Amino acid sequence: QVQLVESGGGLVQPGGSLRLSCAASGITFSAYAMNWYRQAPGKQRELVAGMTSGGSTNYAESVKGRFTISRDNAKNTASLQMNSLKPEDTAVYYCNAALEALGVRHWGRGTQVTVSS
């Protein structure tokens, strides 16, 4: 059974930092691309950051220079370090594991991030 469990969300003031983690089980973690998506109220889910199995990264323009994605294949975890947070970063953040060539995608349940003073 595949499980992706996010943690680390919460309430933070503008300019603050949070670190999200995603613990994966039931998959060959090192073979998957790991991605972080977010969905704000009334908006579509969007890709925030991704890291391929080979370690290449990509980021949404809105978070470049502020967010950093990483992974630890030995611990089956992916992380998203979020710095200089803005109110517009408020959303539910979802962990995603993907084997794009096979059309396989797994999702976590999400963790709420709220940036507010």
N, C-alpha and C. Protein backbone atom coordinates (compact mmCIF):
# COMPACT_ATOMS: atom_id res chain seq x y z
N GLN A 1 0.84 -1.19 0.00
CA GLN A 1 0.00 0.00 0.00
C GLN A 1 0.88 1.24 0.00
N VAL A 2 0.60 2.11 -0.97
CA VAL A 2 1.39 3.33 -1.09
C VAL A 2 0.87 4.38 -0.11
N GLN A 3 1.78 5.00 0.61
CA GLN A 3 1.42 6.10 1.49
C GLN A 3 2.42 7.23 1.34
N LEU A 4 1.89 8.43 1.22
CA LEU A 4 2.68 9.66 1.27
C LEU A 4 2.09 10.50 2.38
N VAL A 5 2.89 10.82 3.37
CA VAL A 5 2.38 11.55 4.53
C VAL A 5 3.17 12.84 4.69
N GLU A 6 2.45 13.95 4.53
CA GLU A 6 3.08 15.27 4.69
C GLU A 6 3.05 15.72 6.14
N SER A 7 4.02 16.52 6.51
CA SER A 7 4.05 17.13 7.83
C SER A 7 4.80 18.46 7.73
N GLY A 8 4.64 19.28 8.76
CA GLY A 8 5.40 20.51 8.84
C GLY A 8 4.64 21.78 8.51
N GLY A 9 3.38 21.63 8.12
CA GLY A 9 2.59 22.83 7.84
C GLY A 9 2.23 23.58 9.12
N GLY A 10 1.64 24.74 8.93
CA GLY A 10 1.22 25.53 10.09
C GLY A 10 1.01 26.98 9.74
N LEU A 11 0.92 27.78 10.78
CA LEU A 11 0.72 29.23 10.64
C LEU A 11 2.06 29.94 10.84
N VAL A 12 2.40 30.82 9.93
CA VAL A 12 3.67 31.54 10.03
C VAL A 12 3.44 32.98 9.57
N GLN A 13 4.21 33.89 10.12
CA GLN A 13 4.10 35.29 9.74
C GLN A 13 4.80 35.53 8.40
N PRO A 14 4.39 36.56 7.69
CA PRO A 14 5.10 36.91 6.44
C PRO A 14 6.58 37.11 6.71
N GLY A 15 7.40 36.59 5.80
CA GLY A 15 8.84 36.64 5.97
C GLY A 15 9.42 35.44 6.71
N GLY A 16 8.56 34.63 7.28
CA GLY A 16 9.01 33.48 8.04
C GLY A 16 9.33 32.27 7.17
N SER A 17 9.65 31.18 7.84
CA SER A 17 10.06 29.95 7.16
C SER A 17 9.30 28.76 7.70
N LEU A 18 9.13 27.78 6.84
CA LEU A 18 8.60 26.48 7.22
C LEU A 18 9.32 25.41 6.41
N ARG A 19 9.38 24.23 6.97
CA ARG A 19 9.95 23.10 6.25
C ARG A 19 8.92 21.98 6.22
N LEU A 20 8.49 21.62 5.02
CA LEU A 20 7.55 20.53 4.85
C LEU A 20 8.32 19.24 4.58
N SER A 21 7.78 18.14 5.10
CA SER A 21 8.38 16.83 4.84
C SER A 21 7.32 15.89 4.31
N CYS A 22 7.77 14.95 3.51
CA CYS A 22 6.90 13.92 2.95
C CYS A 22 7.56 12.58 3.17
N ALA A 23 6.91 11.73 3.95
CA ALA A 23 7.42 10.39 4.21
C ALA A 23 6.69 9.42 3.30
N ALA A 24 7.44 8.67 2.52
CA ALA A 24 6.85 7.75 1.55
C ALA A 24 7.07 6.30 1.98
N SER A 25 6.08 5.48 1.68
CA SER A 25 6.19 4.05 1.91
C SER A 25 5.41 3.32 0.82
N GLY A 26 5.81 2.09 0.57
CA GLY A 26 5.10 1.29 -0.41
C GLY A 26 5.53 1.50 -1.85
N ILE A 27 6.57 2.31 -2.05
CA ILE A 27 7.09 2.55 -3.41
C ILE A 27 8.61 2.41 -3.39
N THR A 28 9.15 2.19 -4.58
CA THR A 28 10.61 2.23 -4.73
C THR A 28 10.98 3.69 -4.87
N PHE A 29 11.19 4.32 -3.75
CA PHE A 29 11.27 5.79 -3.66
C PHE A 29 12.28 6.36 -4.64
N SER A 30 13.44 5.76 -4.74
CA SER A 30 14.51 6.35 -5.55
C SER A 30 14.16 6.41 -7.03
N ALA A 31 13.19 5.63 -7.46
CA ALA A 31 12.82 5.60 -8.87
C ALA A 31 11.82 6.68 -9.25
N TYR A 32 11.23 7.32 -8.25
CA TYR A 32 10.17 8.28 -8.49
C TYR A 32 10.68 9.71 -8.52
N ALA A 33 10.06 10.52 -9.38
CA ALA A 33 10.19 11.96 -9.24
C ALA A 33 9.32 12.37 -8.06
N MET A 34 9.80 13.31 -7.27
CA MET A 34 9.05 13.81 -6.13
C MET A 34 8.71 15.27 -6.38
N ASN A 35 7.46 15.59 -6.16
CA ASN A 35 6.96 16.93 -6.44
C ASN A 35 6.15 17.47 -5.28
N TRP A 36 6.13 18.78 -5.19
CA TRP A 36 5.24 19.46 -4.25
C TRP A 36 4.29 20.34 -5.07
N TYR A 37 3.01 20.17 -4.80
CA TYR A 37 1.96 20.99 -5.39
C TYR A 37 1.29 21.78 -4.28
N ARG A 38 0.54 22.79 -4.68
CA ARG A 38 -0.28 23.50 -3.70
C ARG A 38 -1.59 23.92 -4.35
N GLN A 39 -2.58 24.08 -3.49
CA GLN A 39 -3.88 24.53 -3.95
C GLN A 39 -4.45 25.52 -2.95
N ALA A 40 -4.64 26.72 -3.42
CA ALA A 40 -5.26 27.77 -2.61
C ALA A 40 -6.77 27.75 -2.84
N PRO A 41 -7.53 28.29 -1.90
CA PRO A 41 -8.98 28.30 -2.06
C PRO A 41 -9.42 28.98 -3.36
N GLY A 42 -10.26 28.30 -4.10
CA GLY A 42 -10.77 28.86 -5.35
C GLY A 42 -9.81 28.81 -6.51
N LYS A 43 -8.66 28.18 -6.32
CA LYS A 43 -7.67 28.13 -7.39
C LYS A 43 -7.35 26.68 -7.75
N GLN A 44 -6.76 26.51 -8.92
CA GLN A 44 -6.35 25.17 -9.35
C GLN A 44 -5.07 24.76 -8.63
N ARG A 45 -4.92 23.46 -8.52
CA ARG A 45 -3.67 22.94 -7.95
C ARG A 45 -2.53 23.26 -8.90
N GLU A 46 -1.41 23.72 -8.34
CA GLU A 46 -0.27 24.09 -9.17
C GLU A 46 1.00 23.42 -8.66
N LEU A 47 1.90 23.16 -9.59
CA LEU A 47 3.20 22.60 -9.24
C LEU A 47 4.06 23.69 -8.63
N VAL A 48 4.61 23.42 -7.47
CA VAL A 48 5.48 24.37 -6.78
C VAL A 48 6.95 24.04 -7.05
N ALA A 49 7.30 22.77 -6.87
CA ALA A 49 8.69 22.35 -7.04
C ALA A 49 8.72 20.86 -7.32
N GLY A 50 9.72 20.45 -8.09
CA GLY A 50 9.87 19.04 -8.40
C GLY A 50 11.32 18.63 -8.45
N MET A 51 11.56 17.38 -8.17
CA MET A 51 12.91 16.82 -8.26
C MET A 51 12.81 15.45 -8.90
N THR A 52 13.56 15.25 -9.99
CA THR A 52 13.55 13.97 -10.67
C THR A 52 14.30 12.92 -9.85
N SER A 53 14.20 11.68 -10.28
CA SER A 53 14.95 10.62 -9.61
C SER A 53 16.45 10.86 -9.73
N GLY A 54 16.86 11.57 -10.75
CA GLY A 54 18.27 11.88 -10.94
C GLY A 54 18.75 13.12 -10.22
N GLY A 55 17.82 13.83 -9.59
CA GLY A 55 18.21 14.99 -8.80
C GLY A 55 18.02 16.34 -9.46
N SER A 56 17.52 16.37 -10.68
CA SER A 56 17.25 17.65 -11.33
C SER A 56 16.02 18.29 -10.70
N THR A 57 16.06 19.61 -10.59
CA THR A 57 14.97 20.32 -9.93
C THR A 57 14.32 21.33 -10.87
N ASN A 58 13.08 21.64 -10.56
CA ASN A 58 12.39 22.73 -11.24
C ASN A 58 11.45 23.40 -10.25
N TYR A 59 11.23 24.68 -10.46
CA TYR A 59 10.44 25.48 -9.53
C TYR A 59 9.47 26.38 -10.29
N ALA A 60 8.34 26.63 -9.66
CA ALA A 60 7.45 27.66 -10.17
C ALA A 60 8.16 29.01 -10.06
N GLU A 61 7.91 29.89 -11.00
CA GLU A 61 8.56 31.20 -10.99
C GLU A 61 8.28 31.95 -9.69
N SER A 62 7.10 31.77 -9.15
CA SER A 62 6.70 32.51 -7.97
C SER A 62 7.47 32.12 -6.71
N VAL A 63 8.16 30.98 -6.74
CA VAL A 63 8.87 30.53 -5.54
C VAL A 63 10.38 30.42 -5.74
N LYS A 64 10.85 30.67 -6.95
CA LYS A 64 12.28 30.57 -7.22
C LYS A 64 13.07 31.50 -6.30
N GLY A 65 14.13 30.97 -5.74
CA GLY A 65 14.95 31.75 -4.83
C GLY A 65 14.47 31.75 -3.39
N ARG A 66 13.26 31.24 -3.17
CA ARG A 66 12.71 31.21 -1.81
C ARG A 66 12.49 29.78 -1.31
N PHE A 67 12.13 28.88 -2.21
CA PHE A 67 11.84 27.50 -1.83
C PHE A 67 12.94 26.59 -2.35
N THR A 68 13.22 25.53 -1.60
CA THR A 68 14.20 24.54 -2.01
C THR A 68 13.65 23.14 -1.77
N ILE A 69 13.65 22.34 -2.81
CA ILE A 69 13.20 20.95 -2.69
C ILE A 69 14.42 20.06 -2.50
N SER A 70 14.26 19.02 -1.70
CA SER A 70 15.33 18.06 -1.51
C SER A 70 14.72 16.68 -1.28
N ARG A 71 15.58 15.67 -1.34
CA ARG A 71 15.12 14.31 -1.09
C ARG A 71 16.23 13.52 -0.43
N ASP A 72 15.83 12.52 0.34
CA ASP A 72 16.76 11.61 0.99
C ASP A 72 16.31 10.20 0.63
N ASN A 73 16.96 9.60 -0.34
CA ASN A 73 16.54 8.28 -0.80
C ASN A 73 16.75 7.21 0.27
N ALA A 74 17.69 7.43 1.16
CA ALA A 74 17.94 6.44 2.21
C ALA A 74 16.79 6.43 3.23
N LYS A 75 16.14 7.58 3.39
CA LYS A 75 15.06 7.70 4.38
C LYS A 75 13.68 7.74 3.74
N ASN A 76 13.64 7.66 2.40
CA ASN A 76 12.36 7.72 1.68
C ASN A 76 11.57 8.98 2.03
N THR A 77 12.27 10.09 2.06
CA THR A 77 11.62 11.36 2.39
C THR A 77 11.96 12.43 1.36
N ALA A 78 11.02 13.32 1.17
CA ALA A 78 11.22 14.52 0.37
C ALA A 78 10.86 15.72 1.24
N SER A 79 11.53 16.82 1.00
CA SER A 79 11.29 18.00 1.82
C SER A 79 11.16 19.24 0.94
N LEU A 80 10.52 20.24 1.51
CA LEU A 80 10.39 21.54 0.85
C LEU A 80 10.70 22.60 1.89
N GLN A 81 11.84 23.24 1.76
CA GLN A 81 12.21 24.35 2.63
C GLN A 81 11.65 25.63 2.03
N MET A 82 10.84 26.32 2.81
CA MET A 82 10.17 27.52 2.33
C MET A 82 10.61 28.70 3.17
N ASN A 83 11.27 29.64 2.53
CA ASN A 83 11.75 30.85 3.20
C ASN A 83 11.06 32.08 2.64
N SER A 84 11.17 33.17 3.36
CA SER A 84 10.58 34.44 2.92
C SER A 84 9.13 34.26 2.48
N LEU A 85 8.38 33.60 3.32
CA LEU A 85 6.99 33.28 2.95
C LEU A 85 6.14 34.53 2.83
N LYS A 86 5.20 34.45 1.90
CA LYS A 86 4.30 35.56 1.62
C LYS A 86 2.86 35.10 1.83
N PRO A 87 1.95 36.02 2.07
CA PRO A 87 0.54 35.63 2.23
C PRO A 87 0.02 34.82 1.03
N GLU A 88 0.51 35.12 -0.15
CA GLU A 88 0.05 34.39 -1.33
C GLU A 88 0.58 32.96 -1.41
N ASP A 89 1.45 32.59 -0.50
CA ASP A 89 1.88 31.20 -0.41
C ASP A 89 0.89 30.35 0.39
N THR A 90 -0.09 30.98 0.97
CA THR A 90 -1.11 30.25 1.74
C THR A 90 -1.86 29.27 0.85
N ALA A 91 -1.85 28.01 1.26
CA ALA A 91 -2.48 26.95 0.46
C ALA A 91 -2.34 25.63 1.20
N VAL A 92 -3.02 24.62 0.68
CA VAL A 92 -2.75 23.25 1.09
C VAL A 92 -1.65 22.73 0.19
N TYR A 93 -0.61 22.19 0.79
CA TYR A 93 0.53 21.68 0.05
C TYR A 93 0.48 20.15 0.01
N TYR A 94 0.65 19.62 -1.19
CA TYR A 94 0.54 18.19 -1.42
C TYR A 94 1.86 17.61 -1.92
N CYS A 95 2.20 16.47 -1.38
CA CYS A 95 3.34 15.71 -1.86
C CYS A 95 2.85 14.78 -2.98
N ASN A 96 3.66 14.65 -4.01
CA ASN A 96 3.32 13.82 -5.16
C ASN A 96 4.54 13.01 -5.55
N ALA A 97 4.31 11.73 -5.80
CA ALA A 97 5.36 10.85 -6.30
C ALA A 97 4.93 10.38 -7.68
N ALA A 98 5.82 10.49 -8.66
CA ALA A 98 5.41 10.23 -10.03
C ALA A 98 6.42 9.39 -10.80
N LEU A 99 5.87 8.46 -11.57
CA LEU A 99 6.62 7.77 -12.60
C LEU A 99 5.98 8.18 -13.91
N GLU A 100 6.43 9.30 -14.46
CA GLU A 100 5.73 9.91 -15.59
C GLU A 100 5.69 8.98 -16.80
N ALA A 101 6.74 8.23 -17.03
CA ALA A 101 6.79 7.36 -18.21
C ALA A 101 5.71 6.28 -18.17
N LEU A 102 5.28 5.93 -16.96
CA LEU A 102 4.25 4.90 -16.80
C LEU A 102 2.90 5.50 -16.44
N GLY A 103 2.84 6.81 -16.31
CA GLY A 103 1.59 7.45 -15.94
C GLY A 103 1.14 7.14 -14.54
N VAL A 104 2.10 6.87 -13.66
CA VAL A 104 1.79 6.53 -12.27
C VAL A 104 1.99 7.76 -11.40
N ARG A 105 0.99 8.07 -10.60
CA ARG A 105 1.07 9.20 -9.68
C ARG A 105 0.43 8.82 -8.36
N HIS A 106 1.08 9.21 -7.29
CA HIS A 106 0.54 9.01 -5.95
C HIS A 106 0.53 10.34 -5.23
N TRP A 107 -0.49 10.54 -4.39
CA TRP A 107 -0.67 11.80 -3.69
C TRP A 107 -0.78 11.61 -2.19
N GLY A 108 -0.26 12.58 -1.47
CA GLY A 108 -0.53 12.65 -0.05
C GLY A 108 -1.83 13.38 0.19
N ARG A 109 -2.21 13.49 1.46
CA ARG A 109 -3.48 14.14 1.80
C ARG A 109 -3.34 15.66 1.95
N GLY A 110 -2.13 16.12 2.03
CA GLY A 110 -1.90 17.56 2.10
C GLY A 110 -1.69 18.08 3.50
N THR A 111 -1.02 19.23 3.56
CA THR A 111 -0.80 19.91 4.83
C THR A 111 -1.03 21.40 4.60
N GLN A 112 -1.72 22.03 5.54
CA GLN A 112 -2.10 23.43 5.39
C GLN A 112 -0.94 24.33 5.77
N VAL A 113 -0.67 25.29 4.91
CA VAL A 113 0.29 26.36 5.20
C VAL A 113 -0.46 27.68 5.14
N THR A 114 -0.41 28.43 6.22
CA THR A 114 -1.07 29.73 6.29
C THR A 114 -0.04 30.78 6.63
N VAL A 115 0.07 31.79 5.79
CA VAL A 115 1.01 32.88 6.01
C VAL A 115 0.19 34.14 6.30
N SER A 116 0.25 34.57 7.54
CA SER A 116 -0.58 35.69 7.95
C SER A 116 0.00 36.35 9.19
N SER A 117 -0.20 37.66 9.28
CA SER A 117 0.24 38.36 10.48
C SER A 117 -0.91 38.46 11.48
